[in-house]
Amino acid sequence: MTDPNTLREAVLRRLSSVIDPETGVDVVRMRLIEDLEVSEEGVVRYKFRPSSPLCPIAVPLALSIRDAVAEVEGVTRQEIEVVGYIKADELSDLLRG
């Protein structure tokens, strides 16, 4: 069992190092991550909302976000939902691998 609050803070710290290459700002400050929840089992659930419905870097940015969260000690699984993007379903499927 993991303390969800501690793990949530670790995930947010790690996500703050993921930089949107178009703006130079991290994905947390840009509010691209929504509804972040962490369970005692280490399951991290969140929504990724690209900066626009046609965001040209949504796919590589989403992969960077997924990989960053996976590196946090205590994370056992991720459930990512892409919202507000023209190909949200396809990208969500890609992220599930």
N, C-alpha and C. Protein backbone atom coordinates (compact mmCIF):
# COMPACT_ATOMS: atom_id res chain seq x y z
N MET A 1 0.83 -1.19 0.00
CA MET A 1 0.00 0.00 0.00
C MET A 1 0.88 1.25 0.00
N THR A 2 0.39 2.24 -0.70
CA THR A 2 1.10 3.51 -0.84
C THR A 2 0.21 4.63 -0.33
N ASP A 3 0.81 5.63 0.29
CA ASP A 3 0.03 6.80 0.70
C ASP A 3 -0.34 7.58 -0.56
N PRO A 4 -1.63 7.65 -0.89
CA PRO A 4 -2.05 8.31 -2.12
C PRO A 4 -1.63 9.77 -2.21
N ASN A 5 -1.65 10.48 -1.08
CA ASN A 5 -1.28 11.91 -1.12
C ASN A 5 0.20 12.09 -1.43
N THR A 6 1.03 11.27 -0.82
CA THR A 6 2.46 11.34 -1.08
C THR A 6 2.76 10.99 -2.53
N LEU A 7 2.13 9.94 -3.02
CA LEU A 7 2.35 9.53 -4.40
C LEU A 7 1.83 10.59 -5.37
N ARG A 8 0.70 11.18 -5.07
CA ARG A 8 0.14 12.23 -5.93
C ARG A 8 1.12 13.40 -6.03
N GLU A 9 1.70 13.79 -4.91
CA GLU A 9 2.68 14.89 -4.93
C GLU A 9 3.92 14.51 -5.75
N ALA A 10 4.36 13.26 -5.64
CA ALA A 10 5.51 12.81 -6.42
C ALA A 10 5.20 12.82 -7.91
N VAL A 11 3.98 12.42 -8.26
CA VAL A 11 3.57 12.43 -9.67
C VAL A 11 3.54 13.87 -10.18
N LEU A 12 2.98 14.78 -9.40
CA LEU A 12 2.93 16.19 -9.83
C LEU A 12 4.33 16.78 -9.98
N ARG A 13 5.22 16.44 -9.06
CA ARG A 13 6.61 16.92 -9.19
C ARG A 13 7.24 16.43 -10.48
N ARG A 14 7.02 15.13 -10.76
CA ARG A 14 7.60 14.56 -11.99
C ARG A 14 6.97 15.19 -13.22
N LEU A 15 5.67 15.39 -13.22
CA LEU A 15 4.99 16.01 -14.36
C LEU A 15 5.44 17.45 -14.58
N SER A 16 5.84 18.11 -13.52
CA SER A 16 6.28 19.51 -13.68
C SER A 16 7.61 19.60 -14.43
N SER A 17 8.25 18.45 -14.66
CA SER A 17 9.48 18.46 -15.46
C SER A 17 9.21 18.15 -16.94
N VAL A 18 7.95 17.86 -17.28
CA VAL A 18 7.58 17.60 -18.68
C VAL A 18 7.21 18.95 -19.29
N ILE A 19 8.01 19.38 -20.24
CA ILE A 19 7.87 20.71 -20.83
C ILE A 19 7.21 20.62 -22.20
N ASP A 20 6.22 21.47 -22.42
CA ASP A 20 5.61 21.61 -23.74
C ASP A 20 6.62 22.35 -24.61
N PRO A 21 7.14 21.70 -25.66
CA PRO A 21 8.20 22.33 -26.46
C PRO A 21 7.74 23.59 -27.21
N GLU A 22 6.46 23.73 -27.43
CA GLU A 22 5.97 24.92 -28.13
C GLU A 22 5.94 26.14 -27.23
N THR A 23 5.70 25.94 -25.93
CA THR A 23 5.57 27.08 -25.02
C THR A 23 6.74 27.21 -24.04
N GLY A 24 7.45 26.11 -23.81
CA GLY A 24 8.52 26.12 -22.83
C GLY A 24 8.01 26.07 -21.39
N VAL A 25 6.72 25.76 -21.22
CA VAL A 25 6.09 25.71 -19.91
C VAL A 25 5.74 24.26 -19.59
N ASP A 26 5.82 23.90 -18.30
CA ASP A 26 5.53 22.51 -17.94
C ASP A 26 4.02 22.24 -18.02
N VAL A 27 3.70 20.95 -18.17
CA VAL A 27 2.31 20.53 -18.40
C VAL A 27 1.41 20.75 -17.18
N VAL A 28 2.00 20.84 -15.99
CA VAL A 28 1.19 21.12 -14.80
C VAL A 28 0.77 22.59 -14.80
N ARG A 29 1.71 23.47 -15.00
CA ARG A 29 1.38 24.91 -15.04
C ARG A 29 0.46 25.25 -16.19
N MET A 30 0.56 24.52 -17.30
CA MET A 30 -0.33 24.77 -18.43
C MET A 30 -1.72 24.16 -18.21
N ARG A 31 -1.86 23.40 -17.13
CA ARG A 31 -3.13 22.74 -16.79
C ARG A 31 -3.58 21.76 -17.87
N LEU A 32 -2.62 21.02 -18.40
CA LEU A 32 -2.93 19.99 -19.39
C LEU A 32 -3.31 18.67 -18.72
N ILE A 33 -3.06 18.57 -17.42
CA ILE A 33 -3.40 17.37 -16.65
C ILE A 33 -4.60 17.72 -15.77
N GLU A 34 -5.66 16.93 -15.88
CA GLU A 34 -6.88 17.20 -15.12
C GLU A 34 -7.28 15.97 -14.32
N ASP A 35 -7.99 16.21 -13.23
CA ASP A 35 -8.61 15.14 -12.43
C ASP A 35 -7.62 14.05 -12.01
N LEU A 36 -6.45 14.46 -11.55
CA LEU A 36 -5.43 13.51 -11.13
C LEU A 36 -5.85 12.83 -9.83
N GLU A 37 -5.94 11.51 -9.87
CA GLU A 37 -6.30 10.71 -8.70
C GLU A 37 -5.29 9.59 -8.55
N VAL A 38 -4.98 9.25 -7.30
CA VAL A 38 -4.04 8.18 -7.01
C VAL A 38 -4.66 7.27 -5.96
N SER A 39 -4.61 5.97 -6.20
CA SER A 39 -5.17 5.01 -5.24
C SER A 39 -4.07 4.48 -4.33
N GLU A 40 -4.49 3.81 -3.27
CA GLU A 40 -3.54 3.18 -2.35
C GLU A 40 -2.74 2.09 -3.03
N GLU A 41 -3.28 1.54 -4.11
CA GLU A 41 -2.59 0.48 -4.85
C GLU A 41 -1.59 1.04 -5.86
N GLY A 42 -1.50 2.36 -5.96
CA GLY A 42 -0.54 2.97 -6.87
C GLY A 42 -1.09 3.20 -8.27
N VAL A 43 -2.40 3.10 -8.44
CA VAL A 43 -3.02 3.36 -9.74
C VAL A 43 -3.23 4.86 -9.88
N VAL A 44 -2.71 5.42 -10.97
CA VAL A 44 -2.81 6.86 -11.22
C VAL A 44 -3.80 7.06 -12.37
N ARG A 45 -4.83 7.85 -12.10
CA ARG A 45 -5.84 8.16 -13.12
C ARG A 45 -5.81 9.66 -13.38
N TYR A 46 -5.86 10.03 -14.65
CA TYR A 46 -5.90 11.45 -14.99
C TYR A 46 -6.35 11.63 -16.43
N LYS A 47 -6.69 12.87 -16.72
CA LYS A 47 -7.05 13.26 -18.08
C LYS A 47 -5.95 14.15 -18.62
N PHE A 48 -5.64 13.95 -19.90
CA PHE A 48 -4.71 14.81 -20.61
C PHE A 48 -5.51 15.60 -21.62
N ARG A 49 -5.44 16.93 -21.51
CA ARG A 49 -6.14 17.81 -22.43
C ARG A 49 -5.09 18.62 -23.19
N PRO A 50 -4.83 18.25 -24.45
CA PRO A 50 -3.87 19.05 -25.25
C PRO A 50 -4.31 20.51 -25.30
N SER A 51 -3.37 21.37 -25.60
CA SER A 51 -3.64 22.81 -25.58
C SER A 51 -4.66 23.25 -26.63
N SER A 52 -4.88 22.43 -27.63
CA SER A 52 -5.92 22.74 -28.62
C SER A 52 -6.42 21.42 -29.22
N PRO A 53 -7.62 21.43 -29.80
CA PRO A 53 -8.15 20.20 -30.40
C PRO A 53 -7.29 19.66 -31.55
N LEU A 54 -6.50 20.52 -32.15
CA LEU A 54 -5.64 20.11 -33.27
C LEU A 54 -4.17 20.20 -32.91
N CYS A 55 -3.85 20.13 -31.65
CA CYS A 55 -2.47 20.28 -31.17
C CYS A 55 -1.51 19.38 -31.97
N PRO A 56 -0.53 19.98 -32.65
CA PRO A 56 0.37 19.18 -33.49
C PRO A 56 1.33 18.29 -32.72
N ILE A 57 1.51 18.55 -31.43
CA ILE A 57 2.46 17.74 -30.65
C ILE A 57 1.76 16.91 -29.58
N ALA A 58 0.45 16.72 -29.72
CA ALA A 58 -0.30 15.97 -28.70
C ALA A 58 0.24 14.56 -28.49
N VAL A 59 0.56 13.87 -29.56
CA VAL A 59 1.01 12.48 -29.42
C VAL A 59 2.35 12.40 -28.69
N PRO A 60 3.41 13.09 -29.15
CA PRO A 60 4.67 12.98 -28.41
C PRO A 60 4.58 13.53 -26.99
N LEU A 61 3.78 14.56 -26.79
CA LEU A 61 3.63 15.11 -25.44
C LEU A 61 2.92 14.11 -24.53
N ALA A 62 1.87 13.46 -25.03
CA ALA A 62 1.15 12.45 -24.25
C ALA A 62 2.07 11.29 -23.88
N LEU A 63 2.89 10.87 -24.83
CA LEU A 63 3.83 9.77 -24.55
C LEU A 63 4.85 10.18 -23.49
N SER A 64 5.31 11.42 -23.55
CA SER A 64 6.26 11.92 -22.55
C SER A 64 5.62 11.96 -21.16
N ILE A 65 4.36 12.38 -21.12
CA ILE A 65 3.64 12.42 -19.85
C ILE A 65 3.49 11.01 -19.29
N ARG A 66 3.04 10.08 -20.12
CA ARG A 66 2.87 8.70 -19.68
C ARG A 66 4.19 8.13 -19.15
N ASP A 67 5.27 8.35 -19.90
CA ASP A 67 6.57 7.81 -19.50
C ASP A 67 7.06 8.44 -18.20
N ALA A 68 6.81 9.74 -18.03
CA ALA A 68 7.24 10.42 -16.81
C ALA A 68 6.51 9.85 -15.59
N VAL A 69 5.22 9.67 -15.71
CA VAL A 69 4.45 9.12 -14.59
C VAL A 69 4.90 7.70 -14.28
N ALA A 70 5.20 6.92 -15.31
CA ALA A 70 5.63 5.54 -15.11
C ALA A 70 6.94 5.46 -14.32
N GLU A 71 7.76 6.50 -14.38
CA GLU A 71 9.05 6.51 -13.68
C GLU A 71 8.92 6.77 -12.18
N VAL A 72 7.76 7.23 -11.74
CA VAL A 72 7.59 7.56 -10.32
C VAL A 72 7.47 6.27 -9.50
N GLU A 73 8.31 6.17 -8.50
CA GLU A 73 8.30 4.98 -7.64
C GLU A 73 6.96 4.87 -6.94
N GLY A 74 6.35 3.70 -7.01
CA GLY A 74 5.06 3.46 -6.38
C GLY A 74 3.91 3.42 -7.36
N VAL A 75 4.12 3.93 -8.57
CA VAL A 75 3.07 3.87 -9.59
C VAL A 75 3.02 2.46 -10.15
N THR A 76 1.85 1.84 -10.05
CA THR A 76 1.71 0.47 -10.53
C THR A 76 1.01 0.40 -11.88
N ARG A 77 0.17 1.40 -12.15
CA ARG A 77 -0.58 1.42 -13.40
C ARG A 77 -1.12 2.82 -13.64
N GLN A 78 -1.35 3.14 -14.92
CA GLN A 78 -1.94 4.42 -15.27
C GLN A 78 -3.22 4.21 -16.05
N GLU A 79 -4.18 5.07 -15.81
CA GLU A 79 -5.40 5.12 -16.60
C GLU A 79 -5.51 6.54 -17.12
N ILE A 80 -5.22 6.69 -18.41
CA ILE A 80 -5.15 8.01 -19.03
C ILE A 80 -6.31 8.17 -20.00
N GLU A 81 -7.00 9.28 -19.88
CA GLU A 81 -8.06 9.60 -20.82
C GLU A 81 -7.68 10.91 -21.51
N VAL A 82 -7.67 10.89 -22.82
CA VAL A 82 -7.39 12.11 -23.58
C VAL A 82 -8.72 12.79 -23.87
N VAL A 83 -8.80 14.08 -23.60
CA VAL A 83 -10.03 14.83 -23.82
C VAL A 83 -9.71 16.11 -24.59
N GLY A 84 -10.72 16.61 -25.31
CA GLY A 84 -10.57 17.89 -26.00
C GLY A 84 -9.62 17.86 -27.18
N TYR A 85 -9.46 16.70 -27.79
CA TYR A 85 -8.53 16.54 -28.90
C TYR A 85 -9.27 15.82 -30.01
N ILE A 86 -9.03 16.20 -31.24
CA ILE A 86 -9.78 15.67 -32.38
C ILE A 86 -9.65 14.15 -32.51
N LYS A 87 -8.50 13.60 -32.13
CA LYS A 87 -8.30 12.14 -32.20
C LYS A 87 -8.11 11.57 -30.80
N ALA A 88 -8.95 12.02 -29.87
CA ALA A 88 -8.81 11.62 -28.46
C ALA A 88 -8.92 10.12 -28.27
N ASP A 89 -9.86 9.47 -28.93
CA ASP A 89 -10.03 8.03 -28.75
C ASP A 89 -8.82 7.26 -29.22
N GLU A 90 -8.29 7.63 -30.39
CA GLU A 90 -7.12 6.94 -30.93
C GLU A 90 -5.90 7.14 -30.03
N LEU A 91 -5.73 8.37 -29.53
CA LEU A 91 -4.58 8.63 -28.68
C LEU A 91 -4.73 7.92 -27.34
N SER A 92 -5.92 7.88 -26.80
CA SER A 92 -6.16 7.15 -25.54
C SER A 92 -5.80 5.67 -25.73
N ASP A 93 -6.20 5.09 -26.87
CA ASP A 93 -5.87 3.70 -27.15
C ASP A 93 -4.36 3.49 -27.26
N LEU A 94 -3.67 4.40 -27.90
CA LEU A 94 -2.21 4.32 -28.04
C LEU A 94 -1.55 4.34 -26.66
N LEU A 95 -2.03 5.20 -25.79
CA LEU A 95 -1.43 5.34 -24.46
C LEU A 95 -1.66 4.10 -23.61
N ARG A 96 -2.74 3.39 -23.87
CA ARG A 96 -2.98 2.15 -23.13
C ARG A 96 -2.05 1.04 -23.59
N GLY A 97 -1.49 1.23 -24.79
CA GLY A 97 -0.51 0.31 -25.34
C GLY A 97 -1.06 -1.02 -25.63
